């Protein structure tokens, strides 16, 4: 999914840098997602201490079904939940607006998990 790599990755990277001092490695892949073993496009984040998160775009679009998966340091993924499904802000025709909205919600979700050390 080129939109994920071209739009969302850089926006999320900037959003995370504004929210934390941690150096979080971000990447995109199209592979089988953890736990459910379904192939889809994913945005993947890994913290220096090995905590990981995945945003899985099940039908490879910003507006389609998405899943958020978390794994604590040294463990297998243990939290899986729907992410922004049915959310009207994701249906915009402008990919960059969708990337900004998705990135803001990812940062919010990581803050709720208390995974981001605030600057």
N, C-alpha and C. Protein backbone atom coordinates (compact mmCIF):
# COMPACT_ATOMS: atom_id res chain seq x y z
N UNK A 1 0.85 -1.18 0.00
CA UNK A 1 0.00 0.00 0.00
C UNK A 1 0.89 1.24 0.00
N UNK A 2 1.04 1.84 -1.13
CA UNK A 2 1.94 2.99 -1.29
C UNK A 2 1.52 4.19 -0.44
N UNK A 3 0.21 4.40 -0.27
CA UNK A 3 -0.25 5.53 0.55
C UNK A 3 0.27 5.41 1.98
N UNK A 4 0.30 4.21 2.48
CA UNK A 4 0.78 3.98 3.84
C UNK A 4 2.25 4.37 3.94
N UNK A 5 3.04 3.91 3.00
CA UNK A 5 4.48 4.20 3.02
C UNK A 5 4.76 5.66 2.71
N UNK A 6 4.09 6.21 1.71
CA UNK A 6 4.38 7.57 1.26
C UNK A 6 3.81 8.65 2.16
N UNK A 7 2.60 8.43 2.68
CA UNK A 7 1.93 9.48 3.45
C UNK A 7 1.99 9.25 4.96
N UNK A 8 1.56 8.11 5.39
CA UNK A 8 1.37 7.87 6.82
C UNK A 8 2.68 7.73 7.58
N UNK A 9 3.66 7.07 7.02
CA UNK A 9 4.90 6.80 7.73
C UNK A 9 5.61 8.09 8.15
N UNK A 10 5.74 9.04 7.24
CA UNK A 10 6.45 10.28 7.59
C UNK A 10 5.64 11.14 8.56
N UNK A 11 4.31 11.17 8.37
CA UNK A 11 3.46 11.95 9.28
C UNK A 11 3.52 11.36 10.69
N UNK A 12 3.43 10.03 10.79
CA UNK A 12 3.49 9.38 12.10
C UNK A 12 4.85 9.60 12.75
N UNK A 13 5.91 9.49 11.99
CA UNK A 13 7.25 9.72 12.52
C UNK A 13 7.36 11.11 13.13
N UNK A 14 6.88 12.12 12.42
CA UNK A 14 6.90 13.50 12.93
C UNK A 14 6.04 13.64 14.19
N UNK A 15 4.86 13.03 14.18
CA UNK A 15 3.95 13.11 15.33
C UNK A 15 4.57 12.47 16.57
N UNK A 16 5.21 11.33 16.39
CA UNK A 16 5.83 10.65 17.52
C UNK A 16 7.01 11.45 18.05
N UNK A 17 7.81 12.04 17.16
CA UNK A 17 8.95 12.84 17.59
C UNK A 17 8.50 14.05 18.42
N UNK A 18 7.31 14.58 18.11
CA UNK A 18 6.76 15.69 18.88
C UNK A 18 6.25 15.25 20.24
N UNK A 19 5.99 13.94 20.41
CA UNK A 19 5.33 13.43 21.61
C UNK A 19 6.26 12.72 22.59
N UNK A 20 7.45 12.33 22.16
CA UNK A 20 8.31 11.54 23.04
C UNK A 20 9.78 11.72 22.67
N UNK A 21 10.63 11.40 23.62
CA UNK A 21 12.07 11.41 23.39
C UNK A 21 12.57 10.08 22.85
N UNK A 22 11.75 9.05 22.95
CA UNK A 22 12.16 7.71 22.53
C UNK A 22 12.34 7.62 21.02
N UNK A 23 13.32 6.84 20.62
CA UNK A 23 13.60 6.63 19.20
C UNK A 23 12.85 5.38 18.74
N UNK A 24 11.66 5.57 18.21
CA UNK A 24 10.81 4.46 17.80
C UNK A 24 11.04 4.16 16.33
N UNK A 25 11.39 2.93 16.04
CA UNK A 25 11.62 2.50 14.66
C UNK A 25 10.26 2.22 14.01
N UNK A 26 10.01 2.87 12.87
CA UNK A 26 8.75 2.68 12.15
C UNK A 26 9.03 2.08 10.78
N UNK A 27 8.14 1.21 10.34
CA UNK A 27 8.27 0.62 9.01
C UNK A 27 6.89 0.21 8.50
N UNK A 28 6.84 -0.11 7.23
CA UNK A 28 5.62 -0.66 6.64
C UNK A 28 5.96 -2.00 6.00
N UNK A 29 4.99 -2.89 6.00
CA UNK A 29 5.16 -4.20 5.38
C UNK A 29 3.82 -4.71 4.90
N UNK A 30 3.86 -5.59 3.93
CA UNK A 30 2.68 -6.37 3.59
C UNK A 30 3.05 -7.82 3.88
N UNK A 31 2.49 -8.34 4.95
CA UNK A 31 2.83 -9.68 5.43
C UNK A 31 1.69 -10.18 6.31
N UNK A 32 1.86 -11.37 6.88
CA UNK A 32 0.83 -11.90 7.77
C UNK A 32 0.90 -11.18 9.11
N UNK A 33 -0.26 -10.73 9.57
CA UNK A 33 -0.29 -10.02 10.84
C UNK A 33 -0.19 -10.98 12.01
N UNK A 34 0.37 -10.51 13.13
CA UNK A 34 0.47 -11.35 14.31
C UNK A 34 -0.92 -11.81 14.77
N UNK A 35 -0.98 -12.90 15.41
CA UNK A 35 -2.16 -13.50 16.03
C UNK A 35 -3.15 -14.04 15.01
N UNK A 36 -3.65 -13.21 14.10
CA UNK A 36 -4.73 -13.63 13.20
C UNK A 36 -4.25 -14.30 11.93
N UNK A 37 -2.97 -14.17 11.60
CA UNK A 37 -2.40 -14.85 10.44
C UNK A 37 -3.11 -14.48 9.13
N UNK A 38 -3.47 -13.20 9.00
CA UNK A 38 -4.11 -12.67 7.80
C UNK A 38 -3.10 -11.75 7.11
N UNK A 39 -2.92 -11.89 5.81
CA UNK A 39 -2.00 -11.02 5.08
C UNK A 39 -2.66 -9.67 4.83
N UNK A 40 -1.93 -8.60 5.15
CA UNK A 40 -2.43 -7.24 4.93
C UNK A 40 -1.27 -6.25 5.00
N UNK A 41 -1.55 -5.00 4.68
CA UNK A 41 -0.57 -3.93 4.83
C UNK A 41 -0.53 -3.51 6.29
N UNK A 42 0.67 -3.27 6.80
CA UNK A 42 0.83 -2.92 8.20
C UNK A 42 1.81 -1.78 8.39
N UNK A 43 1.52 -0.96 9.37
CA UNK A 43 2.46 0.02 9.86
C UNK A 43 2.96 -0.55 11.19
N UNK A 44 4.27 -0.68 11.34
CA UNK A 44 4.85 -1.36 12.49
C UNK A 44 5.75 -0.39 13.24
N UNK A 45 5.63 -0.40 14.56
CA UNK A 45 6.49 0.41 15.41
C UNK A 45 7.19 -0.44 16.43
N UNK A 46 8.49 -0.16 16.65
CA UNK A 46 9.25 -0.90 17.67
C UNK A 46 10.03 0.08 18.52
N UNK A 47 9.82 -0.02 19.84
CA UNK A 47 10.51 0.82 20.80
C UNK A 47 11.89 0.23 21.09
N UNK A 48 12.82 1.04 21.61
CA UNK A 48 14.16 0.54 21.92
C UNK A 48 14.16 -0.65 22.89
N UNK A 49 13.16 -0.74 23.77
CA UNK A 49 13.11 -1.85 24.74
C UNK A 49 12.33 -3.05 24.20
N UNK A 50 12.05 -3.07 22.92
CA UNK A 50 11.38 -4.17 22.20
C UNK A 50 9.86 -4.20 22.33
N UNK A 51 9.23 -3.19 22.94
CA UNK A 51 7.77 -3.11 22.85
C UNK A 51 7.43 -2.86 21.38
N UNK A 52 6.35 -3.46 20.92
CA UNK A 52 5.99 -3.34 19.50
C UNK A 52 4.50 -3.06 19.34
N UNK A 53 4.17 -2.38 18.24
CA UNK A 53 2.77 -2.22 17.87
C UNK A 53 2.63 -2.35 16.37
N UNK A 54 1.45 -2.79 15.95
CA UNK A 54 1.12 -2.95 14.54
C UNK A 54 -0.23 -2.30 14.30
N UNK A 55 -0.35 -1.54 13.22
CA UNK A 55 -1.65 -1.09 12.73
C UNK A 55 -1.85 -1.86 11.44
N UNK A 56 -2.85 -2.70 11.42
CA UNK A 56 -3.09 -3.59 10.27
C UNK A 56 -4.27 -3.07 9.47
N UNK A 57 -4.04 -2.82 8.20
CA UNK A 57 -5.07 -2.33 7.28
C UNK A 57 -5.59 -3.54 6.52
N UNK A 58 -6.69 -4.11 7.00
CA UNK A 58 -7.15 -5.41 6.54
C UNK A 58 -7.49 -5.46 5.06
N UNK A 59 -8.04 -4.37 4.53
CA UNK A 59 -8.34 -4.36 3.09
C UNK A 59 -7.43 -3.39 2.33
N UNK A 60 -6.31 -3.03 2.96
CA UNK A 60 -5.27 -2.21 2.33
C UNK A 60 -5.74 -0.82 1.92
N UNK A 61 -6.68 -0.24 2.68
CA UNK A 61 -7.11 1.14 2.46
C UNK A 61 -7.17 1.86 3.79
N UNK A 62 -7.08 3.20 3.75
CA UNK A 62 -7.23 3.99 4.96
C UNK A 62 -8.64 3.89 5.52
N UNK A 63 -9.63 3.81 4.66
CA UNK A 63 -11.02 3.86 5.11
C UNK A 63 -11.58 2.50 5.52
N UNK A 64 -10.89 1.42 5.22
CA UNK A 64 -11.39 0.09 5.54
C UNK A 64 -11.08 -0.34 6.97
N UNK A 65 -11.35 -1.60 7.25
CA UNK A 65 -11.14 -2.16 8.59
C UNK A 65 -9.67 -2.12 8.98
N UNK A 66 -9.43 -1.73 10.24
CA UNK A 66 -8.07 -1.66 10.77
C UNK A 66 -8.05 -2.33 12.14
N UNK A 67 -6.89 -2.89 12.50
CA UNK A 67 -6.70 -3.56 13.78
C UNK A 67 -5.43 -3.01 14.41
N UNK A 68 -5.47 -2.80 15.72
CA UNK A 68 -4.32 -2.33 16.50
C UNK A 68 -3.84 -3.49 17.35
N UNK A 69 -2.56 -3.83 17.27
CA UNK A 69 -1.99 -4.94 18.04
C UNK A 69 -0.80 -4.43 18.84
N UNK A 70 -0.70 -4.88 20.09
CA UNK A 70 0.39 -4.47 20.97
C UNK A 70 1.11 -5.69 21.53
N UNK A 71 2.42 -5.54 21.74
CA UNK A 71 3.22 -6.57 22.41
C UNK A 71 4.17 -5.88 23.37
N UNK A 72 4.14 -6.27 24.62
CA UNK A 72 5.08 -5.74 25.60
C UNK A 72 6.47 -6.29 25.34
N UNK A 73 7.46 -5.65 25.92
CA UNK A 73 8.85 -6.07 25.73
C UNK A 73 9.03 -7.53 26.10
N UNK A 74 9.64 -8.29 25.20
CA UNK A 74 9.95 -9.68 25.47
C UNK A 74 8.78 -10.64 25.42
N UNK A 75 7.64 -10.19 24.93
CA UNK A 75 6.49 -11.10 24.88
C UNK A 75 5.82 -11.06 23.51
N UNK A 76 5.00 -12.05 23.29
CA UNK A 76 4.23 -12.14 22.06
C UNK A 76 3.09 -11.12 22.11
N UNK A 77 2.53 -10.74 20.96
CA UNK A 77 1.40 -9.82 20.96
C UNK A 77 0.27 -10.35 21.84
N UNK A 78 -0.28 -9.46 22.66
CA UNK A 78 -1.31 -9.90 23.60
C UNK A 78 -2.57 -9.05 23.55
N UNK A 79 -2.50 -7.90 22.93
CA UNK A 79 -3.68 -7.03 22.82
C UNK A 79 -3.99 -6.85 21.35
N UNK A 80 -5.22 -7.14 20.99
CA UNK A 80 -5.69 -6.91 19.62
C UNK A 80 -7.06 -6.26 19.72
N UNK A 81 -7.22 -5.16 19.01
CA UNK A 81 -8.49 -4.45 19.08
C UNK A 81 -8.79 -3.74 17.77
N UNK A 82 -10.07 -3.52 17.48
CA UNK A 82 -10.43 -2.74 16.30
C UNK A 82 -9.86 -1.33 16.44
N UNK A 83 -9.53 -0.71 15.33
CA UNK A 83 -8.91 0.61 15.37
C UNK A 83 -9.55 1.50 14.31
N UNK A 84 -10.25 2.52 14.75
CA UNK A 84 -10.86 3.53 13.88
C UNK A 84 -11.84 2.95 12.86
N UNK A 85 -12.45 1.87 13.15
CA UNK A 85 -13.41 1.28 12.21
C UNK A 85 -14.73 2.03 12.31
N UNK A 86 -15.27 2.43 11.16
CA UNK A 86 -16.52 3.19 11.13
C UNK A 86 -16.35 4.64 11.51
N UNK A 87 -15.12 5.11 11.56
CA UNK A 87 -14.84 6.49 11.94
C UNK A 87 -14.88 7.37 10.69
N UNK A 88 -15.79 8.31 10.65
CA UNK A 88 -16.01 9.15 9.48
C UNK A 88 -14.80 9.94 9.02
N UNK A 89 -13.86 10.23 9.91
CA UNK A 89 -12.71 11.03 9.51
C UNK A 89 -11.78 10.27 8.57
N UNK A 90 -11.96 8.99 8.46
CA UNK A 90 -11.07 8.19 7.61
C UNK A 90 -11.57 8.08 6.18
N UNK A 91 -12.70 8.69 5.88
CA UNK A 91 -13.27 8.54 4.54
C UNK A 91 -12.95 9.72 3.63
N UNK A 92 -12.06 10.58 4.03
CA UNK A 92 -11.71 11.73 3.22
C UNK A 92 -11.06 11.30 1.90
N UNK A 93 -11.28 12.09 0.87
CA UNK A 93 -10.68 11.79 -0.43
C UNK A 93 -9.21 12.22 -0.48
N UNK A 94 -8.77 12.96 0.53
CA UNK A 94 -7.38 13.44 0.56
C UNK A 94 -6.54 12.50 1.41
N UNK A 95 -5.65 11.71 0.81
CA UNK A 95 -4.84 10.76 1.57
C UNK A 95 -4.02 11.41 2.68
N UNK A 96 -3.51 12.62 2.43
CA UNK A 96 -2.69 13.26 3.46
C UNK A 96 -3.53 13.61 4.69
N UNK A 97 -4.80 13.95 4.51
CA UNK A 97 -5.67 14.22 5.65
C UNK A 97 -5.93 12.94 6.44
N UNK A 98 -6.13 11.84 5.73
CA UNK A 98 -6.31 10.55 6.40
C UNK A 98 -5.05 10.16 7.17
N UNK A 99 -3.89 10.39 6.58
CA UNK A 99 -2.62 10.06 7.23
C UNK A 99 -2.45 10.86 8.52
N UNK A 100 -2.81 12.13 8.49
CA UNK A 100 -2.72 12.98 9.69
C UNK A 100 -3.67 12.48 10.77
N UNK A 101 -4.90 12.16 10.39
CA UNK A 101 -5.89 11.69 11.36
C UNK A 101 -5.48 10.35 11.96
N UNK A 102 -5.03 9.43 11.13
CA UNK A 102 -4.60 8.12 11.62
C UNK A 102 -3.40 8.27 12.55
N UNK A 103 -2.44 9.09 12.17
CA UNK A 103 -1.25 9.30 12.99
C UNK A 103 -1.61 9.89 14.35
N UNK A 104 -2.52 10.85 14.37
CA UNK A 104 -2.94 11.46 15.63
C UNK A 104 -3.58 10.42 16.54
N UNK A 105 -4.38 9.55 15.98
CA UNK A 105 -5.04 8.50 16.78
C UNK A 105 -4.04 7.45 17.26
N UNK A 106 -3.03 7.15 16.46
CA UNK A 106 -2.00 6.20 16.90
C UNK A 106 -1.26 6.77 18.10
N UNK A 107 -0.85 8.03 18.01
CA UNK A 107 -0.16 8.68 19.12
C UNK A 107 -1.06 8.69 20.36
N UNK A 108 -2.32 9.03 20.18
CA UNK A 108 -3.27 9.03 21.30
C UNK A 108 -3.37 7.64 21.93
N UNK A 109 -3.45 6.61 21.11
CA UNK A 109 -3.57 5.24 21.62
C UNK A 109 -2.31 4.84 22.38
N UNK A 110 -1.14 5.20 21.88
CA UNK A 110 0.11 4.90 22.57
C UNK A 110 0.22 5.68 23.89
N UNK A 111 -0.27 6.91 23.91
CA UNK A 111 -0.30 7.68 25.15
C UNK A 111 -1.24 7.04 26.16
N UNK A 112 -2.40 6.58 25.71
CA UNK A 112 -3.35 5.90 26.60
C UNK A 112 -2.74 4.63 27.18
N UNK A 113 -1.90 3.97 26.42
CA UNK A 113 -1.21 2.76 26.87
C UNK A 113 -0.04 3.11 27.80
N UNK A 114 0.26 4.41 27.91
CA UNK A 114 1.38 4.94 28.68
C UNK A 114 2.72 4.44 28.14
N UNK A 115 2.78 4.34 26.81
CA UNK A 115 4.00 3.90 26.16
C UNK A 115 4.87 5.07 25.71
N UNK A 116 4.34 6.27 25.69
CA UNK A 116 5.13 7.41 25.24
C UNK A 116 5.58 8.22 26.45
N UNK A 117 6.88 8.41 26.58
CA UNK A 117 7.41 9.29 27.61
C UNK A 117 7.30 10.71 27.09
N UNK A 118 6.49 11.51 27.74
CA UNK A 118 6.23 12.86 27.26
C UNK A 118 7.50 13.69 27.36
N UNK A 119 7.73 14.51 26.33
CA UNK A 119 8.90 15.39 26.30
C UNK A 119 8.84 16.40 27.41
